[in-house]
All heavy atoms as atom14 arrays in JSON, in Angstrom:
{
  "sequence": "IEECAIREVEEETGVEGLKIENFLKTTYHIFQRNGIYKLKEVH",
  "atom14_mask": [
    [1, 1, 1, 1, 1, 1, 1, 1, 0, 0, 0, 0, 0, 0],
    [1, 1, 1, 1, 1, 1, 1, 1, 1, 0, 0, 0, 0, 0],
    [1, 1, 1, 1, 1, 1, 1, 1, 1, 0, 0, 0, 0, 0],
    [1, 1, 1, 1, 1, 1, 0, 0, 0, 0, 0, 0, 0, 0],
    [1, 1, 1, 1, 1, 0, 0, 0, 0, 0, 0, 0, 0, 0],
    [1, 1, 1, 1, 1, 1, 1, 1, 0, 0, 0, 0, 0, 0],
    [1, 1, 1, 1, 1, 1, 1, 1, 1, 1, 1, 0, 0, 0],
    [1, 1, 1, 1, 1, 1, 1, 1, 1, 0, 0, 0, 0, 0],
    [1, 1, 1, 1, 1, 1, 1, 0, 0, 0, 0, 0, 0, 0],
    [1, 1, 1, 1, 1, 1, 1, 1, 1, 0, 0, 0, 0, 0],
    [1, 1, 1, 1, 1, 1, 1, 1, 1, 0, 0, 0, 0, 0],
    [1, 1, 1, 1, 1, 1, 1, 1, 1, 0, 0, 0, 0, 0],
    [1, 1, 1, 1, 1, 1, 1, 0, 0, 0, 0, 0, 0, 0],
    [1, 1, 1, 1, 0, 0, 0, 0, 0, 0, 0, 0, 0, 0],
    [1, 1, 1, 1, 1, 1, 1, 0, 0, 0, 0, 0, 0, 0],
    [1, 1, 1, 1, 1, 1, 1, 1, 1, 0, 0, 0, 0, 0],
    [1, 1, 1, 1, 0, 0, 0, 0, 0, 0, 0, 0, 0, 0],
    [1, 1, 1, 1, 1, 1, 1, 1, 0, 0, 0, 0, 0, 0],
    [1, 1, 1, 1, 1, 1, 1, 1, 1, 0, 0, 0, 0, 0],
    [1, 1, 1, 1, 1, 1, 1, 1, 0, 0, 0, 0, 0, 0],
    [1, 1, 1, 1, 1, 1, 1, 1, 1, 0, 0, 0, 0, 0],
    [1, 1, 1, 1, 1, 1, 1, 1, 0, 0, 0, 0, 0, 0],
    [1, 1, 1, 1, 1, 1, 1, 1, 1, 1, 1, 0, 0, 0],
    [1, 1, 1, 1, 1, 1, 1, 1, 0, 0, 0, 0, 0, 0],
    [1, 1, 1, 1, 1, 1, 1, 1, 1, 0, 0, 0, 0, 0],
    [1, 1, 1, 1, 1, 1, 1, 0, 0, 0, 0, 0, 0, 0],
    [1, 1, 1, 1, 1, 1, 1, 0, 0, 0, 0, 0, 0, 0],
    [1, 1, 1, 1, 1, 1, 1, 1, 1, 1, 1, 1, 0, 0],
    [1, 1, 1, 1, 1, 1, 1, 1, 1, 1, 0, 0, 0, 0],
    [1, 1, 1, 1, 1, 1, 1, 1, 0, 0, 0, 0, 0, 0],
    [1, 1, 1, 1, 1, 1, 1, 1, 1, 1, 1, 0, 0, 0],
    [1, 1, 1, 1, 1, 1, 1, 1, 1, 0, 0, 0, 0, 0],
    [1, 1, 1, 1, 1, 1, 1, 1, 1, 1, 1, 0, 0, 0],
    [1, 1, 1, 1, 1, 1, 1, 1, 0, 0, 0, 0, 0, 0],
    [1, 1, 1, 1, 0, 0, 0, 0, 0, 0, 0, 0, 0, 0],
    [1, 1, 1, 1, 1, 1, 1, 1, 0, 0, 0, 0, 0, 0],
    [1, 1, 1, 1, 1, 1, 1, 1, 1, 1, 1, 1, 0, 0],
    [1, 1, 1, 1, 1, 1, 1, 1, 1, 0, 0, 0, 0, 0],
    [1, 1, 1, 1, 1, 1, 1, 1, 0, 0, 0, 0, 0, 0],
    [1, 1, 1, 1, 1, 1, 1, 1, 1, 0, 0, 0, 0, 0],
    [1, 1, 1, 1, 1, 1, 1, 1, 1, 0, 0, 0, 0, 0],
    [1, 1, 1, 1, 1, 1, 1, 0, 0, 0, 0, 0, 0, 0],
    [1, 1, 1, 1, 1, 1, 1, 1, 1, 1, 0, 0, 0, 0]
  ],
  "atom14_positions": [
    [[-8.92, -3.74, -1.36], [-7.9, -2.78, -0.91], [-7.5, -3.09, 0.54], [-6.32, -3.06, 0.9], [-8.44, -1.33, -1.04], [-8.63, -0.94, -2.51], [-7.56, -0.34, -0.32], [-7.35, -0.68, -3.28], [0.0, 0.0, 0.0], [0.0, 0.0, 0.0], [0.0, 0.0, 0.0], [0.0, 0.0, 0.0], [0.0, 0.0, 0.0], [0.0, 0.0, 0.0]],
    [[-8.48, -3.42, 1.38], [-8.21, -3.72, 2.79], [-7.35, -4.98, 2.93], [-6.41, -5.01, 3.73], [-9.52, -3.89, 3.58], [-10.33, -2.62, 3.74], [-11.22, -2.26, 2.54], [-11.2, -2.98, 1.52], [-11.93, -1.26, 2.62], [0.0, 0.0, 0.0], [0.0, 0.0, 0.0], [0.0, 0.0, 0.0], [0.0, 0.0, 0.0], [0.0, 0.0, 0.0]],
    [[-7.69, -6.03, 2.17], [-6.89, -7.28, 2.21], [-5.46, -7.0, 1.78], [-4.51, -7.53, 2.37], [-7.52, -8.33, 1.29], [-8.81, -8.93, 1.8], [-9.6, -9.72, 0.74], [-9.28, -9.62, -0.48], [-10.53, -10.41, 1.14], [0.0, 0.0, 0.0], [0.0, 0.0, 0.0], [0.0, 0.0, 0.0], [0.0, 0.0, 0.0], [0.0, 0.0, 0.0]],
    [[-5.3, -6.18, 0.76], [-3.97, -5.82, 0.26], [-3.17, -5.12, 1.36], [-2.01, -5.44, 1.6], [-4.1, -4.92, -0.97], [-2.55, -4.19, -1.51], [0.0, 0.0, 0.0], [0.0, 0.0, 0.0], [0.0, 0.0, 0.0], [0.0, 0.0, 0.0], [0.0, 0.0, 0.0], [0.0, 0.0, 0.0], [0.0, 0.0, 0.0], [0.0, 0.0, 0.0]],
    [[-3.79, -4.15, 2.02], [-3.1, -3.38, 3.06], [-2.59, -4.3, 4.16], [-1.42, -4.23, 4.55], [-4.04, -2.31, 3.64], [0.0, 0.0, 0.0], [0.0, 0.0, 0.0], [0.0, 0.0, 0.0], [0.0, 0.0, 0.0], [0.0, 0.0, 0.0], [0.0, 0.0, 0.0], [0.0, 0.0, 0.0], [0.0, 0.0, 0.0], [0.0, 0.0, 0.0]],
    [[-3.44, -5.21, 4.63], [-3.05, -6.14, 5.7], [-1.95, -7.08, 5.21], [-0.94, -7.28, 5.89], [-4.28, -6.9, 6.24], [-5.12, -5.94, 7.1], [-3.86, -8.13, 7.04], [-6.43, -6.48, 7.58], [0.0, 0.0, 0.0], [0.0, 0.0, 0.0], [0.0, 0.0, 0.0], [0.0, 0.0, 0.0], [0.0, 0.0, 0.0], [0.0, 0.0, 0.0]],
    [[-2.12, -7.66, 4.03], [-1.12, -8.6, 3.5], [0.24, -7.93, 3.35], [1.27, -8.47, 3.75], [-1.59, -9.16, 2.14], [-0.56, -10.08, 1.48], [-0.99, -10.54, 0.1], [-1.32, -9.47, -0.81], [-0.42, -8.67, -1.43], [0.87, -8.81, -1.2], [-0.82, -7.73, -2.27], [0.0, 0.0, 0.0], [0.0, 0.0, 0.0], [0.0, 0.0, 0.0]],
    [[0.25, -6.73, 2.77], [1.52, -6.04, 2.54], [2.23, -5.7, 3.85], [3.44, -5.86, 3.96], [1.3, -4.77, 1.7], [1.09, -5.07, 0.23], [2.33, -5.61, -0.49], [3.46, -5.51, 0.03], [2.16, -6.15, -1.6], [0.0, 0.0, 0.0], [0.0, 0.0, 0.0], [0.0, 0.0, 0.0], [0.0, 0.0, 0.0], [0.0, 0.0, 0.0]],
    [[1.48, -5.24, 4.85], [2.11, -4.93, 6.14], [2.7, -6.21, 6.74], [3.84, -6.21, 7.21], [1.1, -4.26, 7.12], [1.7, -4.15, 8.52], [0.69, -2.89, 6.62], [0.0, 0.0, 0.0], [0.0, 0.0, 0.0], [0.0, 0.0, 0.0], [0.0, 0.0, 0.0], [0.0, 0.0, 0.0], [0.0, 0.0, 0.0], [0.0, 0.0, 0.0]],
    [[1.94, -7.32, 6.69], [2.45, -8.59, 7.22], [3.71, -9.03, 6.49], [4.7, -9.4, 7.12], [1.37, -9.69, 7.1], [0.26, -9.54, 8.1], [-0.86, -10.57, 7.93], [-0.88, -11.3, 6.9], [-1.72, -10.65, 8.82], [0.0, 0.0, 0.0], [0.0, 0.0, 0.0], [0.0, 0.0, 0.0], [0.0, 0.0, 0.0], [0.0, 0.0, 0.0]],
    [[3.68, -9.0, 5.14], [4.83, -9.46, 4.34], [6.07, -8.59, 4.57], [7.18, -9.1, 4.68], [4.49, -9.43, 2.85], [3.56, -10.53, 2.41], [3.14, -10.41, 0.94], [3.62, -9.51, 0.21], [2.32, -11.23, 0.52], [0.0, 0.0, 0.0], [0.0, 0.0, 0.0], [0.0, 0.0, 0.0], [0.0, 0.0, 0.0], [0.0, 0.0, 0.0]],
    [[5.87, -7.27, 4.65], [7.03, -6.38, 4.73], [7.63, -6.27, 6.13], [8.78, -5.87, 6.27], [6.66, -4.98, 4.2], [6.41, -4.99, 2.7], [6.4, -3.62, 2.05], [6.29, -2.59, 2.76], [6.51, -3.56, 0.82], [0.0, 0.0, 0.0], [0.0, 0.0, 0.0], [0.0, 0.0, 0.0], [0.0, 0.0, 0.0], [0.0, 0.0, 0.0]],
    [[6.84, -6.62, 7.17], [7.32, -6.38, 8.53], [7.3, -7.6, 9.45], [7.92, -7.58, 10.51], [6.45, -5.3, 9.22], [5.12, -5.82, 9.4], [6.43, -4.01, 8.41], [0.0, 0.0, 0.0], [0.0, 0.0, 0.0], [0.0, 0.0, 0.0], [0.0, 0.0, 0.0], [0.0, 0.0, 0.0], [0.0, 0.0, 0.0], [0.0, 0.0, 0.0]],
    [[6.54, -8.64, 9.08], [6.41, -9.8, 9.95], [5.36, -9.63, 11.04], [5.12, -10.52, 11.84], [0.0, 0.0, 0.0], [0.0, 0.0, 0.0], [0.0, 0.0, 0.0], [0.0, 0.0, 0.0], [0.0, 0.0, 0.0], [0.0, 0.0, 0.0], [0.0, 0.0, 0.0], [0.0, 0.0, 0.0], [0.0, 0.0, 0.0], [0.0, 0.0, 0.0]],
    [[4.7, -8.48, 11.08], [3.69, -8.2, 12.11], [2.39, -8.93, 11.75], [1.96, -8.92, 10.61], [3.45, -6.68, 12.26], [2.25, -6.39, 13.16], [4.69, -6.01, 12.81], [0.0, 0.0, 0.0], [0.0, 0.0, 0.0], [0.0, 0.0, 0.0], [0.0, 0.0, 0.0], [0.0, 0.0, 0.0], [0.0, 0.0, 0.0], [0.0, 0.0, 0.0]],
    [[1.77, -9.55, 12.76], [0.52, -10.28, 12.55], [-0.58, -9.72, 13.45], [-0.31, -8.87, 14.29], [0.74, -11.77, 12.85], [1.69, -12.43, 11.88], [2.16, -13.81, 12.34], [1.74, -14.25, 13.43], [2.95, -14.42, 11.6], [0.0, 0.0, 0.0], [0.0, 0.0, 0.0], [0.0, 0.0, 0.0], [0.0, 0.0, 0.0], [0.0, 0.0, 0.0]],
    [[-1.78, -10.25, 13.28], [-2.91, -9.84, 14.12], [-3.33, -8.4, 13.87], [-3.71, -7.68, 14.79], [0.0, 0.0, 0.0], [0.0, 0.0, 0.0], [0.0, 0.0, 0.0], [0.0, 0.0, 0.0], [0.0, 0.0, 0.0], [0.0, 0.0, 0.0], [0.0, 0.0, 0.0], [0.0, 0.0, 0.0], [0.0, 0.0, 0.0], [0.0, 0.0, 0.0]],
    [[-3.28, -7.98, 12.61], [-3.62, -6.6, 12.26], [-5.13, -6.41, 12.15], [-5.82, -7.24, 11.58], [-2.97, -6.23, 10.92], [-1.44, -6.22, 10.92], [-0.92, -6.33, 9.49], [-0.92, -4.96, 11.59], [0.0, 0.0, 0.0], [0.0, 0.0, 0.0], [0.0, 0.0, 0.0], [0.0, 0.0, 0.0], [0.0, 0.0, 0.0], [0.0, 0.0, 0.0]],
    [[-5.6, -5.29, 12.68], [-7.02, -4.94, 12.55], [-7.1, -3.53, 11.99], [-6.47, -2.61, 12.52], [-7.7, -4.98, 13.91], [-7.78, -6.38, 14.48], [-8.88, -6.51, 15.5], [-9.07, -7.9, 16.05], [-8.02, -8.85, 15.89], [0.0, 0.0, 0.0], [0.0, 0.0, 0.0], [0.0, 0.0, 0.0], [0.0, 0.0, 0.0], [0.0, 0.0, 0.0]],
    [[-7.88, -3.38, 10.92], [-8.07, -2.04, 10.34], [-9.06, -1.28, 11.21], [-10.14, -1.78, 11.54], [-8.56, -2.14, 8.88], [-7.43, -2.65, 7.99], [-9.09, -0.79, 8.4], [-7.77, -2.78, 6.51], [0.0, 0.0, 0.0], [0.0, 0.0, 0.0], [0.0, 0.0, 0.0], [0.0, 0.0, 0.0], [0.0, 0.0, 0.0], [0.0, 0.0, 0.0]],
    [[-8.68, -0.06, 11.58], [-9.58, 0.8, 12.36], [-10.38, 1.7, 11.44], [-11.58, 1.84, 11.6], [-8.77, 1.65, 13.34], [-8.12, 0.82, 14.42], [-7.65, 1.69, 15.55], [-6.87, 2.63, 15.3], [-8.07, 1.42, 16.69], [0.0, 0.0, 0.0], [0.0, 0.0, 0.0], [0.0, 0.0, 0.0], [0.0, 0.0, 0.0], [0.0, 0.0, 0.0]],
    [[-9.68, 2.37, 10.51], [-10.38, 3.25, 9.58], [-9.47, 3.62, 8.41], [-8.27, 3.43, 8.47], [-10.88, 4.53, 10.28], [-9.75, 5.31, 10.91], [-9.17, 4.89, 11.89], [-9.42, 6.45, 10.34], [0.0, 0.0, 0.0], [0.0, 0.0, 0.0], [0.0, 0.0, 0.0], [0.0, 0.0, 0.0], [0.0, 0.0, 0.0], [0.0, 0.0, 0.0]],
    [[-10.11, 4.12, 7.37], [-9.39, 4.61, 6.2], [-8.82, 5.98, 6.55], [-9.49, 6.79, 7.17], [-10.35, 4.72, 5.0], [-9.77, 5.42, 3.82], [-8.85, 4.77, 3.0], [-10.1, 6.74, 3.54], [-8.29, 5.42, 1.91], [-9.55, 7.39, 2.45], [-8.65, 6.73, 1.64], [0.0, 0.0, 0.0], [0.0, 0.0, 0.0], [0.0, 0.0, 0.0]],
    [[-7.57, 6.24, 6.14], [-6.95, 7.53, 6.43], [-7.04, 8.48, 5.23], [-7.7, 9.49, 5.28], [-5.47, 7.35, 6.83], [-5.24, 6.68, 8.17], [-3.79, 6.34, 8.36], [-5.74, 7.58, 9.3], [0.0, 0.0, 0.0], [0.0, 0.0, 0.0], [0.0, 0.0, 0.0], [0.0, 0.0, 0.0], [0.0, 0.0, 0.0], [0.0, 0.0, 0.0]],
    [[-6.34, 8.12, 4.15], [-6.39, 8.93, 2.94], [-5.7, 8.21, 1.81], [-5.09, 7.17, 2.01], [-5.81, 10.33, 3.15], [-4.33, 10.37, 3.52], [-3.76, 11.78, 3.6], [-4.62, 12.72, 4.41], [-4.13, 14.02, 4.68], [0.0, 0.0, 0.0], [0.0, 0.0, 0.0], [0.0, 0.0, 0.0], [0.0, 0.0, 0.0], [0.0, 0.0, 0.0]],
    [[-5.79, 8.79, 0.63], [-5.13, 8.24, -0.55], [-4.05, 9.22, -0.97], [-4.3, 10.43, -1.02], [-6.15, 8.05, -1.7], [-7.2, 7.2, -1.22], [-5.51, 7.4, -2.9], [0.0, 0.0, 0.0], [0.0, 0.0, 0.0], [0.0, 0.0, 0.0], [0.0, 0.0, 0.0], [0.0, 0.0, 0.0], [0.0, 0.0, 0.0], [0.0, 0.0, 0.0]],
    [[-2.86, 8.71, -1.22], [-1.75, 9.56, -1.69], [-1.37, 9.11, -3.1], [-1.64, 7.99, -3.51], [-0.52, 9.46, -0.76], [-0.06, 8.1, -0.72], [-0.85, 9.95, 0.65], [0.0, 0.0, 0.0], [0.0, 0.0, 0.0], [0.0, 0.0, 0.0], [0.0, 0.0, 0.0], [0.0, 0.0, 0.0], [0.0, 0.0, 0.0], [0.0, 0.0, 0.0]],
    [[-0.72, 10.03, -3.81], [-0.32, 9.77, -5.2], [1.12, 10.2, -5.41], [1.54, 11.25, -4.93], [-1.2, 10.58, -6.16], [-2.67, 10.24, -6.08], [-3.5, 10.91, -5.19], [-3.21, 9.24, -6.87], [-4.85, 10.59, -5.1], [-4.57, 8.92, -6.79], [-5.37, 9.59, -5.91], [-6.7, 9.27, -5.82], [0.0, 0.0, 0.0], [0.0, 0.0, 0.0]],
    [[1.86, 9.39, -6.16], [3.2, 9.82, -6.6], [3.54, 9.13, -7.92], [2.98, 8.1, -8.27], [4.27, 9.6, -5.53], [4.57, 8.16, -5.23], [3.85, 7.41, -4.34], [5.52, 7.33, -5.71], [4.34, 6.2, -4.27], [5.35, 6.1, -5.1], [0.0, 0.0, 0.0], [0.0, 0.0, 0.0], [0.0, 0.0, 0.0], [0.0, 0.0, 0.0]],
    [[4.48, 9.75, -8.63], [4.94, 9.22, -9.91], [6.26, 8.49, -9.67], [7.12, 8.99, -8.96], [5.19, 10.37, -10.93], [3.92, 11.19, -11.18], [5.81, 9.85, -12.22], [2.94, 10.63, -12.16], [0.0, 0.0, 0.0], [0.0, 0.0, 0.0], [0.0, 0.0, 0.0], [0.0, 0.0, 0.0], [0.0, 0.0, 0.0], [0.0, 0.0, 0.0]],
    [[6.39, 7.31, -10.25], [7.67, 6.59, -10.21], [7.96, 6.08, -11.61], [7.1, 6.11, -12.48], [7.65, 5.47, -9.16], [6.74, 4.31, -9.51], [7.27, 3.13, -10.02], [5.36, 4.39, -9.33], [6.44, 2.05, -10.33], [4.53, 3.31, -9.63], [5.07, 2.15, -10.15], [0.0, 0.0, 0.0], [0.0, 0.0, 0.0], [0.0, 0.0, 0.0]],
    [[9.18, 5.65, -11.8], [9.58, 5.18, -13.12], [9.96, 3.71, -13.04], [10.7, 3.3, -12.15], [10.78, 6.01, -13.6], [10.83, 6.16, -15.08], [11.88, 7.19, -15.51], [12.6, 7.74, -14.7], [11.96, 7.45, -16.78], [0.0, 0.0, 0.0], [0.0, 0.0, 0.0], [0.0, 0.0, 0.0], [0.0, 0.0, 0.0], [0.0, 0.0, 0.0]],
    [[9.42, 2.9, -13.95], [9.77, 1.49, -14.03], [10.07, 1.19, -15.5], [9.25, 1.47, -16.36], [8.56, 0.7, -13.52], [8.67, -0.73, -13.22], [9.56, -1.28, -12.13], [9.87, -0.58, -10.91], [9.21, -0.61, -9.79], [8.09, -1.27, -9.68], [9.64, 0.02, -8.73], [0.0, 0.0, 0.0], [0.0, 0.0, 0.0], [0.0, 0.0, 0.0]],
    [[11.27, 0.69, -15.77], [11.7, 0.36, -17.14], [11.5, 1.54, -18.1], [11.02, 1.38, -19.21], [10.95, -0.87, -17.68], [11.12, -2.07, -16.77], [12.17, -2.26, -16.17], [10.09, -2.88, -16.64], [0.0, 0.0, 0.0], [0.0, 0.0, 0.0], [0.0, 0.0, 0.0], [0.0, 0.0, 0.0], [0.0, 0.0, 0.0], [0.0, 0.0, 0.0]],
    [[11.84, 2.74, -17.62], [11.77, 3.94, -18.46], [10.37, 4.49, -18.66], [10.17, 5.47, -19.37], [0.0, 0.0, 0.0], [0.0, 0.0, 0.0], [0.0, 0.0, 0.0], [0.0, 0.0, 0.0], [0.0, 0.0, 0.0], [0.0, 0.0, 0.0], [0.0, 0.0, 0.0], [0.0, 0.0, 0.0], [0.0, 0.0, 0.0], [0.0, 0.0, 0.0]],
    [[9.37, 3.88, -18.0], [7.98, 4.36, -18.17], [7.5, 4.95, -16.85], [7.63, 4.35, -15.78], [7.05, 3.18, -18.57], [7.45, 2.66, -19.95], [5.58, 3.6, -18.57], [6.86, 1.33, -20.32], [0.0, 0.0, 0.0], [0.0, 0.0, 0.0], [0.0, 0.0, 0.0], [0.0, 0.0, 0.0], [0.0, 0.0, 0.0], [0.0, 0.0, 0.0]],
    [[6.93, 6.17, -16.93], [6.35, 6.79, -15.74], [5.05, 6.1, -15.39], [4.24, 5.79, -16.26], [6.08, 8.28, -15.98], [7.33, 9.11, -16.08], [7.58, 9.87, -17.21], [8.25, 9.15, -15.04], [8.73, 10.64, -17.32], [9.4, 9.92, -15.13], [9.64, 10.66, -16.27], [10.77, 11.42, -16.36], [0.0, 0.0, 0.0], [0.0, 0.0, 0.0]],
    [[4.85, 5.88, -14.08], [3.61, 5.29, -13.6], [3.09, 6.11, -12.43], [3.87, 6.74, -11.71], [3.84, 3.85, -13.17], [4.25, 2.97, -14.33], [4.22, 1.52, -14.0], [4.57, 0.73, -15.25], [4.31, -0.67, -15.11], [0.0, 0.0, 0.0], [0.0, 0.0, 0.0], [0.0, 0.0, 0.0], [0.0, 0.0, 0.0], [0.0, 0.0, 0.0]],
    [[1.78, 6.09, -12.27], [1.13, 6.8, -11.18], [0.78, 5.79, -10.09], [0.04, 4.85, -10.34], [-0.15, 7.48, -11.7], [-1.06, 8.11, -10.64], [-0.36, 9.26, -9.93], [-2.35, 8.6, -11.29], [0.0, 0.0, 0.0], [0.0, 0.0, 0.0], [0.0, 0.0, 0.0], [0.0, 0.0, 0.0], [0.0, 0.0, 0.0], [0.0, 0.0, 0.0]],
    [[1.35, 5.98, -8.9], [1.01, 5.07, -7.8], [-0.02, 5.75, -6.9], [0.18, 6.85, -6.41], [2.24, 4.67, -6.99], [1.89, 3.58, -5.96], [3.09, 3.03, -5.25], [3.56, 1.75, -5.91], [4.64, 1.12, -5.15], [0.0, 0.0, 0.0], [0.0, 0.0, 0.0], [0.0, 0.0, 0.0], [0.0, 0.0, 0.0], [0.0, 0.0, 0.0]],
    [[-1.14, 5.04, -6.73], [-2.23, 5.48, -5.86], [-2.2, 4.57, -4.65], [-2.41, 3.37, -4.78], [-3.54, 5.32, -6.64], [-4.79, 5.6, -5.85], [-6.03, 5.34, -6.71], [-6.37, 4.15, -6.95], [-6.64, 6.32, -7.13], [0.0, 0.0, 0.0], [0.0, 0.0, 0.0], [0.0, 0.0, 0.0], [0.0, 0.0, 0.0], [0.0, 0.0, 0.0]],
    [[-1.89, 5.15, -3.47], [-1.79, 4.32, -2.26], [-2.93, 4.67, -1.3], [-3.1, 5.82, -0.92], [-0.43, 4.53, -1.53], [-0.31, 3.57, -0.34], [0.75, 4.35, -2.48], [0.0, 0.0, 0.0], [0.0, 0.0, 0.0], [0.0, 0.0, 0.0], [0.0, 0.0, 0.0], [0.0, 0.0, 0.0], [0.0, 0.0, 0.0], [0.0, 0.0, 0.0]],
    [[-3.7, 3.65, -0.96], [-4.8, 3.79, 0.0], [-4.26, 3.42, 1.39], [-3.8, 2.3, 1.59], [-5.97, 2.86, -0.38], [-6.49, 3.14, -1.75], [-7.48, 4.05, -2.0], [-6.13, 2.65, -2.96], [-7.72, 4.1, -3.3], [-6.91, 3.26, -3.9], [0.0, 0.0, 0.0], [0.0, 0.0, 0.0], [0.0, 0.0, 0.0], [0.0, 0.0, 0.0]]
  ]
}
């Protein structure tokens, strides 16, 4: 999960040299892809 968080921030923003300080929380939302509801769990 930590590697994913760093990679995604780098890919989406171009920011490098990221250091994780601590876990904040997990959020949940429903989205639709190809007519199917999915549950997104974001750490």
